């Protein structure tokens, strides 16, 4: 086994999902990835993404694909609720937030794109490691505030349910909730629900 092939397999072991351009960073031509794929030593999971055939991936495989293909995206709304175990819903789409001027490159996944700018996009994003890959996900407090901001897209019942889970699971403080409600400009909308839940 050549050193180049050995390195690619090491990278696939470490990161679970690799792209041809990942190996180029290690001065290995991307053709080696295609060669390993043709030989059955790598498995294609979607366009431009490969893994070892016997490598078990986490259930968050779609989040890994997004982290690789749309690195500026932040997992939001129902997908963030699911990530934080704050809903029983299993969305068939991955909800991501990106900047108004950004675009999601060709990606073989069902995406629901929410466009944001400024603090509404940047604040509350946390890095989580899934199979050694950094995935950006909004924290629980920001996610609840976003649910009320985008209640017309996801449903008010989902937003209220998220708020109840936030309190029940002690996912953060009321102060954090107010901070993100202010950023999202939904303080007046969320206030009566917070008062009812926290009475």
C-alpha atoms as a PDB file:
ATOM      1  CA  UNK A   1       0.000   0.000   0.000  1.00  0.00           C
ATOM      2  CA  UNK A   2       1.443   3.359  -1.021  1.00  0.00           C
ATOM      3  CA  UNK A   3       1.867   6.158   1.522  1.00  0.00           C
ATOM      4  CA  UNK A   4      -0.747   8.250  -0.314  1.00  0.00           C
ATOM      5  CA  UNK A   5      -3.398   5.529  -0.136  1.00  0.00           C
ATOM      6  CA  UNK A   6      -2.513   4.813   3.473  1.00  0.00           C
ATOM      7  CA  UNK A   7      -2.955   8.527   4.294  1.00  0.00           C
ATOM      8  CA  UNK A   8      -6.365   8.677   2.599  1.00  0.00           C
ATOM      9  CA  UNK A   9      -7.556   5.668   4.598  1.00  0.00           C
ATOM     10  CA  UNK A  10      -6.234   7.273   7.798  1.00  0.00           C
ATOM     11  CA  UNK A  11      -8.156  10.476   6.981  1.00  0.00           C
ATOM     12  CA  UNK A  12     -11.326   8.489   6.283  1.00  0.00           C
ATOM     13  CA  UNK A  13     -10.903   6.667   9.601  1.00  0.00           C
ATOM     14  CA  UNK A  14     -10.425   9.911  11.505  1.00  0.00           C
ATOM     15  CA  UNK A  15     -13.082  12.094   9.880  1.00  0.00           C
ATOM     16  CA  UNK A  16     -15.597   9.445   8.740  1.00  0.00           C
ATOM     17  CA  UNK A  17     -16.479  11.516   5.673  1.00  0.00           C
ATOM     18  CA  UNK A  18     -13.872  12.877   3.267  1.00  0.00           C
ATOM     19  CA  UNK A  19     -13.908  14.937   0.079  1.00  0.00           C
ATOM     20  CA  UNK A  20     -11.361  14.810  -2.742  1.00  0.00           C
ATOM     21  CA  UNK A  21     -10.263  18.337  -1.866  1.00  0.00           C
ATOM     22  CA  UNK A  22      -9.531  17.195   1.705  1.00  0.00           C
ATOM     23  CA  UNK A  23      -6.791  14.905   0.458  1.00  0.00           C
ATOM     24  CA  UNK A  24      -5.373  17.627  -1.778  1.00  0.00           C
ATOM     25  CA  UNK A  25      -4.575  19.578   1.392  1.00  0.00           C
ATOM     26  CA  UNK A  26      -2.176  16.726   2.166  1.00  0.00           C
ATOM     27  CA  UNK A  27      -0.549  17.010  -1.284  1.00  0.00           C
ATOM     28  CA  UNK A  28      -2.348  13.914  -2.553  1.00  0.00           C
ATOM     29  CA  UNK A  29      -4.021  14.170  -5.993  1.00  0.00           C
ATOM     30  CA  UNK A  30      -7.790  13.694  -5.812  1.00  0.00           C
ATOM     31  CA  UNK A  31      -7.526  10.919  -8.413  1.00  0.00           C
ATOM     32  CA  UNK A  32      -6.419   8.625  -5.576  1.00  0.00           C
ATOM     33  CA  UNK A  33      -9.855   9.023  -3.957  1.00  0.00           C
ATOM     34  CA  UNK A  34     -11.576   8.062  -7.219  1.00  0.00           C
ATOM     35  CA  UNK A  35      -9.215   5.100  -7.602  1.00  0.00           C
ATOM     36  CA  UNK A  36     -10.033   3.823  -4.106  1.00  0.00           C
ATOM     37  CA  UNK A  37     -13.727   4.267  -4.869  1.00  0.00           C
ATOM     38  CA  UNK A  38     -13.430   2.284  -8.129  1.00  0.00           C
ATOM     39  CA  UNK A  39     -11.586  -0.454  -6.231  1.00  0.00           C
ATOM     40  CA  UNK A  40     -14.363  -0.628  -3.627  1.00  0.00           C
ATOM     41  CA  UNK A  41     -12.130   0.638  -0.819  1.00  0.00           C
ATOM     42  CA  UNK A  42     -14.171   3.836  -0.444  1.00  0.00           C
ATOM     43  CA  UNK A  43     -17.937   4.176  -0.622  1.00  0.00           C
ATOM     44  CA  UNK A  44     -19.671   7.206  -2.146  1.00  0.00           C
ATOM     45  CA  UNK A  45     -22.401   8.544   0.127  1.00  0.00           C
ATOM     46  CA  UNK A  46     -23.318  11.559  -1.989  1.00  0.00           C
ATOM     47  CA  UNK A  47     -21.766  13.759  -4.602  1.00  0.00           C
ATOM     48  CA  UNK A  48     -18.174  14.480  -3.590  1.00  0.00           C
ATOM     49  CA  UNK A  49     -18.380  12.676  -0.228  1.00  0.00           C
ATOM     50  CA  UNK A  50     -16.800   9.320   0.553  1.00  0.00           C
ATOM     51  CA  UNK A  51     -16.386   6.987   3.531  1.00  0.00           C
ATOM     52  CA  UNK A  52     -14.859   3.621   4.316  1.00  0.00           C
ATOM     53  CA  UNK A  53     -17.307   0.795   3.456  1.00  0.00           C
ATOM     54  CA  UNK A  54     -17.250  -0.698   6.949  1.00  0.00           C
ATOM     55  CA  UNK A  55     -17.268   2.637   8.777  1.00  0.00           C
ATOM     56  CA  UNK A  56     -20.425   3.155  10.812  1.00  0.00           C
ATOM     57  CA  UNK A  57     -21.561   6.744  10.767  1.00  0.00           C
ATOM     58  CA  UNK A  58     -23.644   8.548  13.342  1.00  0.00           C
ATOM     59  CA  UNK A  59     -27.321   9.169  12.634  1.00  0.00           C
ATOM     60  CA  UNK A  60     -26.305  12.755  11.962  1.00  0.00           C
ATOM     61  CA  UNK A  61     -24.774  11.828   8.596  1.00  0.00           C
ATOM     62  CA  UNK A  62     -26.780  14.547   6.832  1.00  0.00           C
ATOM     63  CA  UNK A  63     -25.396  17.135   9.241  1.00  0.00           C
ATOM     64  CA  UNK A  64     -21.887  15.973   8.381  1.00  0.00           C
ATOM     65  CA  UNK A  65     -22.585  16.376   4.684  1.00  0.00           C
ATOM     66  CA  UNK A  66     -23.803  19.919   5.266  1.00  0.00           C
ATOM     67  CA  UNK A  67     -20.781  20.760   7.419  1.00  0.00           C
ATOM     68  CA  UNK A  68     -18.534  19.599   4.585  1.00  0.00           C
ATOM     69  CA  UNK A  69     -20.396  21.178   1.683  1.00  0.00           C
ATOM     70  CA  UNK A  70     -21.839  24.347   3.265  1.00  0.00           C
ATOM     71  CA  UNK A  71     -19.355  25.143   6.063  1.00  0.00           C
ATOM     72  CA  UNK A  72     -20.904  28.571   6.800  1.00  0.00           C
ATOM     73  CA  UNK A  73     -24.338  27.073   7.443  1.00  0.00           C
ATOM     74  CA  UNK A  74     -25.779  26.793  10.948  1.00  0.00           C
ATOM     75  CA  UNK A  75     -28.233  24.013  11.803  1.00  0.00           C
ATOM     76  CA  UNK A  76     -31.408  25.758  12.944  1.00  0.00           C
ATOM     77  CA  UNK A  77     -35.075  25.469  13.880  1.00  0.00           C
ATOM     78  CA  UNK A  78     -36.529  21.917  13.782  1.00  0.00           C
ATOM     79  CA  UNK A  79     -33.165  20.324  12.948  1.00  0.00           C
ATOM     80  CA  UNK A  80     -31.550  22.160  15.886  1.00  0.00           C
ATOM     81  CA  UNK A  81     -34.429  21.102  18.166  1.00  0.00           C
ATOM     82  CA  UNK A  82     -33.847  17.519  17.061  1.00  0.00           C
ATOM     83  CA  UNK A  83     -30.099  17.836  17.680  1.00  0.00           C
ATOM     84  CA  UNK A  84     -30.742  19.095  21.243  1.00  0.00           C
ATOM     85  CA  UNK A  85     -33.400  16.398  21.898  1.00  0.00           C
ATOM     86  CA  UNK A  86     -36.073  19.060  22.287  1.00  0.00           C
ATOM     87  CA  UNK A  87     -38.585  17.545  19.870  1.00  0.00           C
ATOM     88  CA  UNK A  88     -39.830  14.142  18.799  1.00  0.00           C
ATOM     89  CA  UNK A  89     -40.217  15.370  15.234  1.00  0.00           C
ATOM     90  CA  UNK A  90     -37.833  13.832  12.744  1.00  0.00           C
ATOM     91  CA  UNK A  91     -37.677  16.383   9.931  1.00  0.00           C
ATOM     92  CA  UNK A  92     -37.296  14.998   6.422  1.00  0.00           C
ATOM     93  CA  UNK A  93     -35.483  18.233   5.552  1.00  0.00           C
ATOM     94  CA  UNK A  94     -32.408  19.697   7.195  1.00  0.00           C
ATOM     95  CA  UNK A  95     -33.043  23.269   8.303  1.00  0.00           C
ATOM     96  CA  UNK A  96     -30.016  25.529   7.867  1.00  0.00           C
ATOM     97  CA  UNK A  97     -29.409  29.245   8.312  1.00  0.00           C
ATOM     98  CA  UNK A  98     -27.106  31.025   5.890  1.00  0.00           C
ATOM     99  CA  UNK A  99     -26.348  34.647   5.057  1.00  0.00           C
ATOM    100  CA  UNK A 100     -28.638  36.449   2.633  1.00  0.00           C
ATOM    101  CA  UNK A 101     -25.835  36.622   0.066  1.00  0.00           C
ATOM    102  CA  UNK A 102     -24.589  33.050   0.503  1.00  0.00           C
ATOM    103  CA  UNK A 103     -25.856  30.104  -1.458  1.00  0.00           C
ATOM    104  CA  UNK A 104     -25.861  26.419  -0.755  1.00  0.00           C
ATOM    105  CA  UNK A 105     -23.702  24.642  -3.308  1.00  0.00           C
ATOM    106  CA  UNK A 106     -25.086  21.614  -5.101  1.00  0.00           C
ATOM    107  CA  UNK A 107     -25.962  19.266  -2.331  1.00  0.00           C
ATOM    108  CA  UNK A 108     -27.836  15.988  -2.605  1.00  0.00           C
ATOM    109  CA  UNK A 109     -29.959  16.590   0.474  1.00  0.00           C
ATOM    110  CA  UNK A 110     -33.423  17.981   1.121  1.00  0.00           C
ATOM    111  CA  UNK A 111     -32.640  21.406   2.594  1.00  0.00           C
ATOM    112  CA  UNK A 112     -34.857  24.084   4.061  1.00  0.00           C
ATOM    113  CA  UNK A 113     -32.852  27.302   3.879  1.00  0.00           C
ATOM    114  CA  UNK A 114     -33.482  30.226   6.226  1.00  0.00           C
ATOM    115  CA  UNK A 115     -31.680  33.441   5.360  1.00  0.00           C
ATOM    116  CA  UNK A 116     -30.409  35.708   8.130  1.00  0.00           C
ATOM    117  CA  UNK A 117     -27.932  38.543   8.588  1.00  0.00           C
ATOM    118  CA  UNK A 118     -25.923  40.224  11.351  1.00  0.00           C
ATOM    119  CA  UNK A 119     -26.375  39.116  14.958  1.00  0.00           C
ATOM    120  CA  UNK A 120     -29.436  37.026  14.071  1.00  0.00           C
ATOM    121  CA  UNK A 121     -27.129  34.792  12.015  1.00  0.00           C
ATOM    122  CA  UNK A 122     -23.922  34.979  14.041  1.00  0.00           C
ATOM    123  CA  UNK A 123     -25.027  34.906  17.688  1.00  0.00           C
ATOM    124  CA  UNK A 124     -25.842  31.641  19.408  1.00  0.00           C
ATOM    125  CA  UNK A 125     -23.980  29.380  16.992  1.00  0.00           C
ATOM    126  CA  UNK A 126     -22.058  26.586  18.729  1.00  0.00           C
ATOM    127  CA  UNK A 127     -19.520  24.162  17.298  1.00  0.00           C
ATOM    128  CA  UNK A 128     -20.252  20.499  17.977  1.00  0.00           C
ATOM    129  CA  UNK A 129     -18.038  17.578  17.005  1.00  0.00           C
ATOM    130  CA  UNK A 130     -19.758  14.739  15.169  1.00  0.00           C
ATOM    131  CA  UNK A 131     -17.375  11.999  14.058  1.00  0.00           C
ATOM    132  CA  UNK A 132     -14.503  14.493  14.427  1.00  0.00           C
ATOM    133  CA  UNK A 133     -16.170  16.998  12.084  1.00  0.00           C
ATOM    134  CA  UNK A 134     -17.212  20.446  13.313  1.00  0.00           C
ATOM    135  CA  UNK A 135     -20.913  21.130  12.851  1.00  0.00           C
ATOM    136  CA  UNK A 136     -22.440  24.535  13.619  1.00  0.00           C
ATOM    137  CA  UNK A 137     -25.728  24.330  15.546  1.00  0.00           C
ATOM    138  CA  UNK A 138     -27.677  27.103  17.262  1.00  0.00           C
ATOM    139  CA  UNK A 139     -27.789  26.779  21.049  1.00  0.00           C
ATOM    140  CA  UNK A 140     -31.142  25.883  22.652  1.00  0.00           C
ATOM    141  CA  UNK A 141     -32.028  29.467  23.685  1.00  0.00           C
ATOM    142  CA  UNK A 142     -31.368  30.843  20.195  1.00  0.00           C
ATOM    143  CA  UNK A 143     -33.292  27.950  18.678  1.00  0.00           C
ATOM    144  CA  UNK A 144     -36.373  28.690  20.805  1.00  0.00           C
ATOM    145  CA  UNK A 145     -36.230  32.389  19.876  1.00  0.00           C
ATOM    146  CA  UNK A 146     -35.878  31.436  16.204  1.00  0.00           C
ATOM    147  CA  UNK A 147     -38.897  29.131  16.477  1.00  0.00           C
ATOM    148  CA  UNK A 148     -41.035  32.103  17.518  1.00  0.00           C
ATOM    149  CA  UNK A 149     -39.483  34.327  14.850  1.00  0.00           C
ATOM    150  CA  UNK A 150     -40.232  31.775  12.128  1.00  0.00           C
ATOM    151  CA  UNK A 151     -43.471  30.459  13.670  1.00  0.00           C
ATOM    152  CA  UNK A 152     -45.263  30.965  10.344  1.00  0.00           C
ATOM    153  CA  UNK A 153     -42.856  28.483   8.736  1.00  0.00           C
ATOM    154  CA  UNK A 154     -42.787  25.793  11.435  1.00  0.00           C
ATOM    155  CA  UNK A 155     -46.026  26.373  13.340  1.00  0.00           C
ATOM    156  CA  UNK A 156     -46.724  28.142  16.629  1.00  0.00           C
ATOM    157  CA  UNK A 157     -47.366  24.789  18.324  1.00  0.00           C
ATOM    158  CA  UNK A 158     -43.775  23.736  17.556  1.00  0.00           C
ATOM    159  CA  UNK A 159     -42.448  26.994  19.015  1.00  0.00           C
ATOM    160  CA  UNK A 160     -44.499  26.576  22.207  1.00  0.00           C
ATOM    161  CA  UNK A 161     -43.402  22.939  22.490  1.00  0.00           C
ATOM    162  CA  UNK A 162     -39.760  24.028  22.116  1.00  0.00           C
ATOM    163  CA  UNK A 163     -40.187  26.589  24.908  1.00  0.00           C
ATOM    164  CA  UNK A 164     -41.715  23.956  27.206  1.00  0.00           C
ATOM    165  CA  UNK A 165     -38.855  21.523  26.522  1.00  0.00           C
ATOM    166  CA  UNK A 166     -36.326  24.321  27.089  1.00  0.00           C
ATOM    167  CA  UNK A 167     -37.697  24.795  30.607  1.00  0.00           C
ATOM    168  CA  UNK A 168     -38.393  21.109  31.322  1.00  0.00           C
ATOM    169  CA  UNK A 169     -34.881  19.987  30.331  1.00  0.00           C
ATOM    170  CA  UNK A 170     -33.208  23.044  31.875  1.00  0.00           C
ATOM    171  CA  UNK A 171     -31.491  23.868  28.588  1.00  0.00           C
ATOM    172  CA  UNK A 172     -30.673  27.444  29.618  1.00  0.00           C
ATOM    173  CA  UNK A 173     -31.804  30.480  31.576  1.00  0.00           C
ATOM    174  CA  UNK A 174     -34.624  32.941  30.996  1.00  0.00           C
ATOM    175  CA  UNK A 175     -31.979  35.653  30.599  1.00  0.00           C
ATOM    176  CA  UNK A 176     -30.472  33.750  27.664  1.00  0.00           C
ATOM    177  CA  UNK A 177     -33.907  33.397  26.156  1.00  0.00           C
ATOM    178  CA  UNK A 178     -34.529  37.149  26.468  1.00  0.00           C
ATOM    179  CA  UNK A 179     -31.118  37.911  24.959  1.00  0.00           C
ATOM    180  CA  UNK A 180     -31.868  35.950  21.786  1.00  0.00           C
ATOM    181  CA  UNK A 181     -35.483  37.116  21.700  1.00  0.00           C
ATOM    182  CA  UNK A 182     -34.142  40.663  21.606  1.00  0.00           C
ATOM    183  CA  UNK A 183     -31.728  39.805  18.772  1.00  0.00           C
ATOM    184  CA  UNK A 184     -34.593  38.159  16.862  1.00  0.00           C
ATOM    185  CA  UNK A 185     -36.974  41.024  17.753  1.00  0.00           C
ATOM    186  CA  UNK A 186     -39.650  38.694  19.116  1.00  0.00           C
ATOM    187  CA  UNK A 187     -39.713  39.819  22.779  1.00  0.00           C
ATOM    188  CA  UNK A 188     -43.343  40.963  22.652  1.00  0.00           C
ATOM    189  CA  UNK A 189     -44.418  37.801  20.853  1.00  0.00           C
ATOM    190  CA  UNK A 190     -42.637  35.361  23.177  1.00  0.00           C
ATOM    191  CA  UNK A 191     -43.347  37.186  26.487  1.00  0.00           C
ATOM    192  CA  UNK A 192     -46.877  35.838  27.182  1.00  0.00           C
ATOM    193  CA  UNK A 193     -45.773  32.277  26.415  1.00  0.00           C
ATOM    194  CA  UNK A 194     -42.732  32.574  28.665  1.00  0.00           C
ATOM    195  CA  UNK A 195     -44.898  33.965  31.470  1.00  0.00           C
ATOM    196  CA  UNK A 196     -47.354  31.088  31.056  1.00  0.00           C
ATOM    197  CA  UNK A 197     -44.650  28.383  30.994  1.00  0.00           C
ATOM    198  CA  UNK A 198     -42.610  29.841  33.856  1.00  0.00           C
ATOM    199  CA  UNK A 199     -45.529  30.844  36.125  1.00  0.00           C
END
